[in-house]
């Protein structure tokens, strides 16, 4: 990398730190003003103008996550990963050199709901032009070259084999299968060894043509741009996307997530020093009207670290685990509510019962007024840090656009947190969480193996 781009980016980063210090030291944090429109070929655009630094963050998200894998496990993740491995007549080294040469970054990944492609660049030339030209070609003309595919395939298979040796990852994958059954959310985004081994270049090309169209995309931009510049960039980045001239079609609606009909218990025998326990069920979607009562209530239950009820009951009172936690992960369809811990093998049954008992007690009594007040203070006090950088804001914009959340989501966030009552928390948990229909997954030595180890 040349010295000039590196120096410019470093200067911008130092300036950002200084600006953040001034912003957070003031009485209030200015919330970003979101502008939105559609490109001529149907991509939704969300833009926040931020003129303080000569930088821009761009994030494109597509309805192209692993929930679209179908009969080809791993195709969404492999397609996203291959975007930066070659485009047009550029190979992976050429793409990396182009971006590094102007101090820009490029990343791509896939989750269950979405695939995301992001870049960060200075708005000065030639940095911006180089970054935009590279990103546009990566999006529109990925080569999916055979040698690169084989290299990435072997790397992925190695990673999957390593995951099979990690009890935490084994537990996570088993949990999603137990909770989601035959729904597309059941499988891990990375795919399976058999699925990844079977993928062909044609599979990736077909997936790209089907799901990387403009109508299936959201473009988020934050930085030192005018509205006109943002429109030009969004049009440029989406103009060459695959599909018909009109922008292709949106991905079809995912299948409904079926609630668990009864309790499910799964024990996986695994030679390890500790047992991993995960408990949960499908819970809520993005934009759910119960989101804030459930979010604030969970902060009391297990989402606030050392001061949560789960930590108090599991760690402080009984010493069963170093940490215990819970969270909601809303997605396009009902994402999971999950409680988890890891503990000594001979304490696994007791720890699991404490998890379940703590949930039951919380649902019966709800948060106390003191607990609720502390949770609200913690959440709202930390909110400025969530929007303290362009990189964080652009992720929020992409989420708002992808899940069709209201544009005032960030403006109203703290007010909606403050408005939650203890009765709303109890009501939401009573309607949405069903203790008699939880999936319980334990990964560790079976009881007989534990006893044998102690002989």
Protein backbone atom coordinates (compact mmCIF):
# COMPACT_ATOMS: atom_id res chain seq x y z
CA UNK A 1 0.00 0.00 0.00
CA UNK A 2 1.27 3.48 -0.76
CA UNK A 3 2.03 5.77 2.15
CA UNK A 4 -0.49 8.46 1.16
CA UNK A 5 -3.73 6.39 1.36
CA UNK A 6 -2.62 4.77 4.62
CA UNK A 7 -1.81 8.19 6.08
CA UNK A 8 -5.14 9.66 4.99
CA UNK A 9 -7.12 6.77 6.45
CA UNK A 10 -5.17 6.93 9.71
CA UNK A 11 -5.79 10.68 9.96
CA UNK A 12 -9.49 10.14 9.34
CA UNK A 13 -9.62 7.44 11.99
CA UNK A 14 -7.93 9.71 14.55
CA UNK A 15 -10.36 12.47 13.70
CA UNK A 16 -13.25 10.08 14.17
CA UNK A 17 -12.02 9.17 17.66
CA UNK A 18 -11.83 12.83 18.54
CA UNK A 19 -15.29 13.52 17.21
CA UNK A 20 -16.76 10.61 19.10
CA UNK A 21 -15.20 11.81 22.31
CA UNK A 22 -16.78 15.23 21.83
CA UNK A 23 -20.12 13.74 20.86
CA UNK A 24 -20.38 11.36 23.78
CA UNK A 25 -19.24 13.99 26.23
CA UNK A 26 -22.16 16.25 25.32
CA UNK A 27 -25.66 16.14 26.81
CA UNK A 28 -27.18 14.25 23.91
CA UNK A 29 -26.18 12.28 20.84
CA UNK A 30 -27.43 13.53 17.48
CA UNK A 31 -29.45 10.84 15.78
CA UNK A 32 -28.88 10.21 12.07
CA UNK A 33 -31.44 11.61 9.64
CA UNK A 34 -32.34 8.83 7.22
CA UNK A 35 -33.21 9.54 3.60
CA UNK A 36 -34.66 6.76 1.45
CA UNK A 37 -35.62 6.11 -2.16
CA UNK A 38 -35.50 3.41 -4.85
CA UNK A 39 -33.09 3.04 -7.72
CA UNK A 40 -34.58 2.87 -11.23
CA UNK A 41 -34.28 -0.92 -11.18
CA UNK A 42 -35.96 -1.40 -7.82
CA UNK A 43 -33.28 -1.52 -5.10
CA UNK A 44 -34.19 0.25 -1.88
CA UNK A 45 -31.65 2.83 -0.71
CA UNK A 46 -31.15 4.30 2.78
CA UNK A 47 -28.70 7.17 3.20
CA UNK A 48 -27.32 9.20 6.09
CA UNK A 49 -25.23 12.24 5.25
CA UNK A 50 -22.22 12.57 7.57
CA UNK A 51 -19.88 15.33 6.42
CA UNK A 52 -17.54 15.33 9.44
CA UNK A 53 -15.03 12.95 7.87
CA UNK A 54 -14.03 12.39 4.22
CA UNK A 55 -15.18 8.77 4.33
CA UNK A 56 -18.10 6.63 3.21
CA UNK A 57 -19.41 3.27 4.40
CA UNK A 58 -21.49 1.27 1.93
CA UNK A 59 -23.36 -1.94 2.70
CA UNK A 60 -25.52 -3.90 0.26
CA UNK A 61 -27.69 -6.66 1.69
CA UNK A 62 -29.52 -9.24 -0.38
CA UNK A 63 -32.26 -11.69 0.53
CA UNK A 64 -29.70 -14.36 -0.23
CA UNK A 65 -28.87 -15.98 3.10
CA UNK A 66 -28.59 -19.66 3.87
CA UNK A 67 -32.38 -19.92 4.21
CA UNK A 68 -32.23 -19.90 0.37
CA UNK A 69 -29.80 -22.84 0.17
CA UNK A 70 -32.52 -25.36 -0.65
CA UNK A 71 -31.01 -28.66 -1.78
CA UNK A 72 -27.49 -27.20 -1.86
CA UNK A 73 -26.30 -26.61 1.73
CA UNK A 74 -23.62 -23.95 1.90
CA UNK A 75 -24.31 -22.36 -1.49
CA UNK A 76 -25.27 -18.95 -0.04
CA UNK A 77 -22.15 -18.70 2.11
CA UNK A 78 -19.90 -19.96 -0.68
CA UNK A 79 -21.40 -17.53 -3.19
CA UNK A 80 -20.82 -14.58 -0.86
CA UNK A 81 -17.30 -15.67 -0.02
CA UNK A 82 -16.40 -16.11 -3.69
CA UNK A 83 -17.39 -12.57 -4.67
CA UNK A 84 -14.03 -11.15 -3.61
CA UNK A 85 -12.07 -14.05 -5.10
CA UNK A 86 -12.37 -12.87 -8.66
CA UNK A 87 -14.45 -10.57 -10.87
CA UNK A 88 -14.18 -9.86 -14.56
CA UNK A 89 -10.50 -10.20 -15.43
CA UNK A 90 -9.34 -9.55 -11.85
CA UNK A 91 -8.26 -12.37 -9.60
CA UNK A 92 -8.34 -12.27 -5.78
CA UNK A 93 -4.89 -10.69 -5.56
CA UNK A 94 -5.81 -7.95 -8.01
CA UNK A 95 -8.98 -7.11 -6.09
CA UNK A 96 -7.12 -7.02 -2.79
CA UNK A 97 -4.35 -4.85 -4.24
CA UNK A 98 -6.85 -2.39 -5.72
CA UNK A 99 -8.62 -1.92 -2.39
CA UNK A 100 -5.51 -1.89 -0.22
CA UNK A 101 -3.79 0.51 -2.59
CA UNK A 102 -6.30 3.24 -1.77
CA UNK A 103 -6.87 2.31 1.87
CA UNK A 104 -10.32 0.83 1.24
CA UNK A 105 -11.83 -2.38 2.60
CA UNK A 106 -14.12 -5.02 1.15
CA UNK A 107 -16.02 -7.80 2.94
CA UNK A 108 -18.79 -10.26 2.12
CA UNK A 109 -20.65 -12.82 4.21
CA UNK A 110 -23.94 -14.68 4.53
CA UNK A 111 -26.20 -15.32 7.52
CA UNK A 112 -29.49 -17.19 7.61
CA UNK A 113 -31.59 -14.29 6.31
CA UNK A 114 -29.20 -12.23 4.24
CA UNK A 115 -25.95 -11.90 2.38
CA UNK A 116 -24.01 -8.67 2.88
CA UNK A 117 -21.29 -6.98 0.87
CA UNK A 118 -19.61 -3.95 2.44
CA UNK A 119 -16.91 -1.44 1.66
CA UNK A 120 -15.33 1.54 3.41
CA UNK A 121 -13.41 4.17 1.52
CA UNK A 122 -12.19 7.72 1.64
CA UNK A 123 -14.35 10.01 -0.47
CA UNK A 124 -11.25 11.61 -1.96
CA UNK A 125 -10.04 10.52 -5.37
CA UNK A 126 -8.70 8.21 -6.58
CA UNK A 127 -9.80 6.20 -3.53
CA UNK A 128 -13.55 6.48 -4.03
CA UNK A 129 -13.55 5.77 -7.75
CA UNK A 130 -11.31 2.73 -7.28
CA UNK A 131 -13.47 1.37 -4.46
CA UNK A 132 -16.73 1.89 -6.36
CA UNK A 133 -15.39 0.40 -9.59
CA UNK A 134 -14.15 -2.64 -7.69
CA UNK A 135 -17.35 -3.11 -5.70
CA UNK A 136 -19.56 -2.74 -8.77
CA UNK A 137 -17.63 -5.37 -10.67
CA UNK A 138 -17.49 -7.75 -7.69
CA UNK A 139 -21.28 -7.53 -7.40
CA UNK A 140 -22.07 -7.82 -11.09
CA UNK A 141 -19.30 -9.95 -12.59
CA UNK A 142 -17.99 -12.52 -10.09
CA UNK A 143 -15.96 -15.11 -11.95
CA UNK A 144 -16.39 -18.07 -9.58
CA UNK A 145 -13.19 -19.47 -11.08
CA UNK A 146 -12.62 -23.19 -10.59
CA UNK A 147 -9.24 -23.01 -8.80
CA UNK A 148 -10.52 -20.36 -6.40
CA UNK A 149 -13.64 -22.39 -5.72
CA UNK A 150 -11.58 -25.48 -4.92
CA UNK A 151 -9.30 -23.52 -2.60
CA UNK A 152 -12.24 -21.98 -0.75
CA UNK A 153 -14.01 -25.35 -0.67
CA UNK A 154 -11.05 -26.99 1.04
CA UNK A 155 -10.79 -24.12 3.53
CA UNK A 156 -14.49 -24.46 4.32
CA UNK A 157 -14.27 -28.22 4.75
CA UNK A 158 -11.34 -27.78 7.10
CA UNK A 159 -13.32 -25.26 9.14
CA UNK A 160 -16.32 -27.61 9.27
CA UNK A 161 -14.12 -30.46 10.51
CA UNK A 162 -12.69 -28.18 13.20
CA UNK A 163 -16.22 -27.22 14.26
CA UNK A 164 -17.00 -30.88 14.80
CA UNK A 165 -14.31 -30.86 17.51
CA UNK A 166 -15.82 -27.89 19.34
CA UNK A 167 -18.67 -28.81 21.73
CA UNK A 168 -20.04 -25.27 21.71
CA UNK A 169 -20.45 -25.26 17.94
CA UNK A 170 -21.88 -28.78 17.96
CA UNK A 171 -24.43 -27.65 20.55
CA UNK A 172 -25.37 -24.55 18.55
CA UNK A 173 -25.99 -26.56 15.37
CA UNK A 174 -27.95 -29.23 17.24
CA UNK A 175 -30.04 -26.52 18.90
CA UNK A 176 -31.12 -24.97 15.60
CA UNK A 177 -32.04 -28.38 14.20
CA UNK A 178 -34.06 -29.21 17.31
CA UNK A 179 -35.88 -25.88 17.22
CA UNK A 180 -36.49 -25.58 13.48
CA UNK A 181 -36.86 -29.15 12.24
CA UNK A 182 -37.28 -29.05 8.46
CA UNK A 183 -37.45 -25.24 8.21
CA UNK A 184 -34.59 -23.57 6.27
CA UNK A 185 -33.38 -21.94 9.49
CA UNK A 186 -32.44 -25.37 10.85
CA UNK A 187 -29.17 -25.69 8.94
CA UNK A 188 -25.98 -23.79 9.71
CA UNK A 189 -25.11 -21.07 7.16
CA UNK A 190 -21.69 -22.64 6.58
CA UNK A 191 -23.36 -25.73 5.15
CA UNK A 192 -22.49 -29.38 5.61
CA UNK A 193 -19.40 -31.31 4.47
CA UNK A 194 -21.43 -33.26 1.91
CA UNK A 195 -23.21 -30.15 0.69
CA UNK A 196 -20.05 -28.08 0.33
CA UNK A 197 -18.23 -30.96 -1.38
CA UNK A 198 -20.99 -31.23 -3.99
CA UNK A 199 -21.19 -27.52 -4.93
CA UNK A 200 -20.25 -26.63 -8.49
CA UNK A 201 -19.40 -23.38 -10.23
CA UNK A 202 -22.75 -23.60 -11.99
CA UNK A 203 -24.53 -23.81 -8.62
CA UNK A 204 -22.91 -20.56 -7.48
CA UNK A 205 -23.61 -18.81 -10.76
CA UNK A 206 -27.26 -19.85 -10.65
CA UNK A 207 -27.61 -18.69 -7.04
CA UNK A 208 -26.03 -15.35 -7.89
CA UNK A 209 -28.33 -14.82 -10.89
CA UNK A 210 -31.42 -15.67 -8.84
CA UNK A 211 -30.80 -13.78 -5.61
CA UNK A 212 -28.42 -10.90 -6.35
CA UNK A 213 -30.88 -8.84 -8.39
CA UNK A 214 -31.65 -5.20 -7.60
CA UNK A 215 -35.18 -5.86 -6.38
CA UNK A 216 -33.73 -8.29 -3.88
CA UNK A 217 -31.26 -5.70 -2.56
CA UNK A 218 -31.02 -2.90 -0.02
CA UNK A 219 -28.25 -0.31 -0.35
CA UNK A 220 -27.14 1.53 2.79
CA UNK A 221 -24.75 4.50 2.61
CA UNK A 222 -23.31 6.65 5.39
CA UNK A 223 -20.68 9.30 4.79
CA UNK A 224 -19.51 12.57 3.34
CA UNK A 225 -21.78 12.57 0.31
CA UNK A 226 -24.57 14.76 -0.97
CA UNK A 227 -27.95 13.24 -1.79
CA UNK A 228 -27.11 13.51 -5.48
CA UNK A 229 -23.80 11.71 -5.03
CA UNK A 230 -25.50 8.97 -3.00
CA UNK A 231 -28.09 8.48 -5.74
CA UNK A 232 -25.39 8.21 -8.39
CA UNK A 233 -23.45 5.66 -6.34
CA UNK A 234 -26.52 3.53 -5.59
CA UNK A 235 -27.53 3.51 -9.25
CA UNK A 236 -24.02 2.58 -10.30
CA UNK A 237 -23.69 -0.29 -7.85
CA UNK A 238 -27.04 -1.84 -8.77
CA UNK A 239 -27.10 -1.18 -12.53
CA UNK A 240 -25.09 -4.26 -13.43
CA UNK A 241 -26.71 -6.73 -11.04
CA UNK A 242 -27.95 -9.94 -12.65
CA UNK A 243 -31.53 -10.58 -13.70
CA UNK A 244 -33.85 -8.80 -16.07
CA UNK A 245 -33.37 -5.15 -16.94
CA UNK A 246 -36.12 -4.29 -14.46
CA UNK A 247 -33.97 -5.61 -11.63
CA UNK A 248 -35.00 -9.24 -11.33
CA UNK A 249 -37.54 -10.44 -8.78
CA UNK A 250 -37.67 -10.45 -5.00
CA UNK A 251 -37.03 -13.75 -3.29
CA UNK A 252 -40.20 -15.66 -2.41
CA UNK A 253 -41.56 -15.57 1.12
CA UNK A 254 -39.92 -18.05 3.46
CA UNK A 255 -42.03 -20.84 4.97
CA UNK A 256 -43.74 -20.09 8.24
CA UNK A 257 -41.91 -21.28 11.35
CA UNK A 258 -43.99 -23.81 13.22
CA UNK A 259 -44.02 -23.56 17.03
CA UNK A 260 -42.75 -26.58 18.92
CA UNK A 261 -45.63 -28.94 19.64
CA UNK A 262 -43.98 -30.33 22.75
CA UNK A 263 -40.74 -30.38 24.70
CA UNK A 264 -37.66 -31.79 22.98
CA UNK A 265 -34.59 -33.09 24.77
CA UNK A 266 -31.42 -34.04 22.96
CA UNK A 267 -28.18 -35.25 24.54
CA UNK A 268 -25.07 -35.47 22.38
CA UNK A 269 -22.23 -37.61 23.67
CA UNK A 270 -19.01 -35.62 23.37
CA UNK A 271 -15.67 -36.10 25.06
CA UNK A 272 -15.06 -32.77 26.75
CA UNK A 273 -14.27 -31.33 30.16
CA UNK A 274 -17.53 -29.38 30.25
CA UNK A 275 -21.08 -29.85 29.06
CA UNK A 276 -22.78 -27.18 26.94
CA UNK A 277 -26.49 -26.67 27.59
CA UNK A 278 -28.80 -24.69 25.30
CA UNK A 279 -32.51 -24.18 25.90
CA UNK A 280 -35.03 -22.36 23.74
CA UNK A 281 -37.72 -22.21 21.07
CA UNK A 282 -38.87 -20.04 18.13
CA UNK A 283 -39.90 -16.64 19.47
CA UNK A 284 -40.28 -13.53 17.31
CA UNK A 285 -39.63 -11.81 14.01
CA UNK A 286 -38.00 -8.47 13.30
CA UNK A 287 -40.54 -5.71 13.73
CA UNK A 288 -42.60 -7.77 16.18
CA UNK A 289 -44.89 -5.58 18.34
CA UNK A 290 -43.62 -7.45 21.40
CA UNK A 291 -39.98 -6.71 20.60
CA UNK A 292 -39.34 -4.03 23.21
CA UNK A 293 -41.07 -5.76 26.17
CA UNK A 294 -39.23 -8.98 25.33
CA UNK A 295 -35.92 -7.19 24.76
CA UNK A 296 -36.07 -5.21 27.99
CA UNK A 297 -37.36 -8.21 29.96
CA UNK A 298 -34.59 -10.41 28.66
CA UNK A 299 -32.06 -7.81 29.75
CA UNK A 300 -33.16 -8.56 33.30
CA UNK A 301 -33.36 -12.31 32.76
CA UNK A 302 -30.06 -13.04 31.06
CA UNK A 303 -28.99 -10.30 28.70
CA UNK A 304 -27.14 -7.95 31.04
CA UNK A 305 -24.08 -9.97 31.97
CA UNK A 306 -23.05 -10.26 35.60
CA UNK A 307 -26.14 -8.53 36.98
CA UNK A 308 -28.74 -10.72 35.24
CA UNK A 309 -30.97 -13.17 37.07
CA UNK A 310 -29.41 -16.14 35.31
CA UNK A 311 -25.93 -15.09 36.38
CA UNK A 312 -27.11 -14.56 39.94
CA UNK A 313 -28.80 -17.97 40.17
CA UNK A 314 -26.33 -20.03 38.16
CA UNK A 315 -22.99 -18.43 39.00
CA UNK A 316 -23.25 -16.32 42.13
CA UNK A 317 -25.51 -18.54 44.24
CA UNK A 318 -24.46 -22.00 43.05
CA UNK A 319 -21.15 -21.68 41.21
CA UNK A 320 -22.40 -23.90 38.40
CA UNK A 321 -20.98 -21.93 35.50
CA UNK A 322 -18.68 -19.04 34.76
CA UNK A 323 -21.44 -17.45 32.69
CA UNK A 324 -25.09 -17.97 31.82
CA UNK A 325 -27.01 -15.93 29.30
CA UNK A 326 -30.19 -15.54 27.29
CA UNK A 327 -31.15 -13.60 24.19
CA UNK A 328 -33.73 -13.18 21.45
CA UNK A 329 -32.50 -13.28 17.85
CA UNK A 330 -35.36 -11.96 15.69
CA UNK A 331 -35.14 -12.73 11.98
CA UNK A 332 -37.46 -12.41 8.98
CA UNK A 333 -39.42 -15.32 10.39
CA UNK A 334 -39.47 -16.25 14.07
CA UNK A 335 -35.91 -16.31 15.33
CA UNK A 336 -34.97 -18.16 18.51
CA UNK A 337 -35.16 -17.35 22.17
CA UNK A 338 -32.11 -19.04 23.66
CA UNK A 339 -30.68 -19.60 27.15
CA UNK A 340 -27.26 -21.17 27.53
CA UNK A 341 -24.32 -22.08 29.73
CA UNK A 342 -21.43 -24.48 30.01
CA UNK A 343 -20.69 -26.34 33.20
CA UNK A 344 -18.82 -29.25 34.73
CA UNK A 345 -20.08 -32.53 33.37
CA UNK A 346 -21.34 -33.82 36.69
CA UNK A 347 -23.30 -30.58 37.24
CA UNK A 348 -25.04 -30.47 33.87
CA UNK A 349 -28.42 -31.74 35.06
CA UNK A 350 -28.50 -29.35 38.00
CA UNK A 351 -27.45 -26.40 35.84
CA UNK A 352 -30.13 -27.18 33.28
CA UNK A 353 -32.79 -27.30 35.98
CA UNK A 354 -31.63 -23.96 37.37
CA UNK A 355 -31.95 -22.42 33.90
CA UNK A 356 -35.51 -23.70 33.58
CA UNK A 357 -36.46 -22.77 37.13
CA UNK A 358 -35.10 -19.24 36.75
CA UNK A 359 -37.09 -18.77 33.55
CA UNK A 360 -40.24 -20.06 35.26
CA UNK A 361 -39.78 -17.79 38.26
CA UNK A 362 -39.17 -14.79 36.04
CA UNK A 363 -42.28 -15.47 33.98
CA UNK A 364 -44.38 -15.85 37.12
CA UNK A 365 -43.16 -12.72 38.90
CA UNK A 366 -41.73 -10.60 36.10
CA UNK A 367 -39.08 -7.98 36.76
CA UNK A 368 -39.25 -5.89 39.90
CA UNK A 369 -39.50 -2.14 39.45
CA UNK A 370 -35.89 -1.79 40.55
CA UNK A 371 -34.72 -4.43 38.06
CA UNK A 372 -36.73 -2.82 35.26
CA UNK A 373 -35.36 0.63 36.03
CA UNK A 374 -31.79 -0.69 36.08
CA UNK A 375 -32.30 -2.49 32.75
CA UNK A 376 -33.69 0.63 31.09
CA UNK A 377 -30.83 2.74 32.39
CA UNK A 378 -28.26 0.25 31.15
CA UNK A 379 -29.85 -0.06 27.69
CA UNK A 380 -30.46 3.64 27.09
CA UNK A 381 -27.12 4.62 28.60
CA UNK A 382 -25.28 2.36 26.16
CA UNK A 383 -27.35 3.38 23.14
CA UNK A 384 -25.10 6.26 22.01
CA UNK A 385 -22.24 3.79 21.53
CA UNK A 386 -24.39 1.81 19.13
CA UNK A 387 -24.59 4.72 16.71
CA UNK A 388 -21.21 6.26 17.48
CA UNK A 389 -19.58 5.48 14.14
CA UNK A 390 -20.54 5.41 10.49
CA UNK A 391 -19.77 1.69 10.39
CA UNK A 392 -22.35 1.02 13.11
CA UNK A 393 -24.96 3.32 11.58
CA UNK A 394 -24.66 1.69 8.16
CA UNK A 395 -25.39 -1.70 9.72
CA UNK A 396 -28.51 -0.27 11.32
CA UNK A 397 -29.58 1.24 7.98
CA UNK A 398 -29.17 -2.10 6.25
CA UNK A 399 -31.21 -3.82 8.96
CA UNK A 400 -33.96 -1.18 8.82
CA UNK A 401 -34.17 -1.49 5.05
CA UNK A 402 -33.96 -5.26 4.88
CA UNK A 403 -36.61 -5.89 7.54
CA UNK A 404 -38.76 -2.92 6.51
CA UNK A 405 -38.57 -1.31 9.94
CA UNK A 406 -39.85 2.25 10.41
CA UNK A 407 -37.41 5.00 9.50
CA UNK A 408 -37.75 6.47 13.00
CA UNK A 409 -36.53 3.20 14.56
CA UNK A 410 -33.36 4.81 15.92
CA UNK A 411 -35.08 8.07 16.91
CA UNK A 412 -37.68 6.25 18.99
CA UNK A 413 -35.49 3.48 20.36
CA UNK A 414 -34.77 4.93 23.80
CA UNK A 415 -38.33 6.25 24.20
CA UNK A 416 -39.75 2.82 23.44
CA UNK A 417 -37.38 1.23 25.92
CA UNK A 418 -38.37 3.74 28.59
CA UNK A 419 -42.06 3.11 27.93
CA UNK A 420 -41.90 -0.62 28.74
CA UNK A 421 -43.73 -1.60 31.93
CA UNK A 422 -43.33 -4.65 34.14
CA UNK A 423 -46.84 -5.72 33.19
CA UNK A 424 -45.97 -5.56 29.49
CA UNK A 425 -42.93 -7.75 30.11
CA UNK A 426 -44.95 -10.35 32.01
CA UNK A 427 -47.67 -10.31 29.35
CA UNK A 428 -45.26 -10.63 26.43
CA UNK A 429 -43.29 -13.47 28.02
CA UNK A 430 -46.52 -15.29 28.94
CA UNK A 431 -47.77 -15.16 25.36
CA UNK A 432 -44.51 -15.80 23.54
CA UNK A 433 -42.46 -18.19 25.72
CA UNK A 434 -43.83 -21.65 26.54
CA UNK A 435 -41.72 -23.43 29.19
CA UNK A 436 -43.54 -26.72 28.60
CA UNK A 437 -42.46 -26.68 24.93
CA UNK A 438 -38.76 -25.90 25.05
CA UNK A 439 -35.99 -27.62 23.14
CA UNK A 440 -33.18 -28.64 25.51
CA UNK A 441 -29.82 -29.62 24.01
CA UNK A 442 -26.85 -30.92 26.04
CA UNK A 443 -23.47 -31.69 24.49
CA UNK A 444 -20.90 -33.45 26.67
CA UNK A 445 -20.09 -36.90 28.11
CA UNK A 446 -23.16 -38.99 28.82
CA UNK A 447 -23.89 -39.72 32.48
CA UNK A 448 -22.33 -43.17 32.27
CA UNK A 449 -19.19 -41.69 30.72
CA UNK A 450 -18.99 -39.10 33.50
CA UNK A 451 -19.20 -41.78 36.14
CA UNK A 452 -16.55 -43.84 34.38
CA UNK A 453 -14.20 -40.84 34.22
CA UNK A 454 -14.57 -40.44 37.98
CA UNK A 455 -13.64 -44.07 38.76
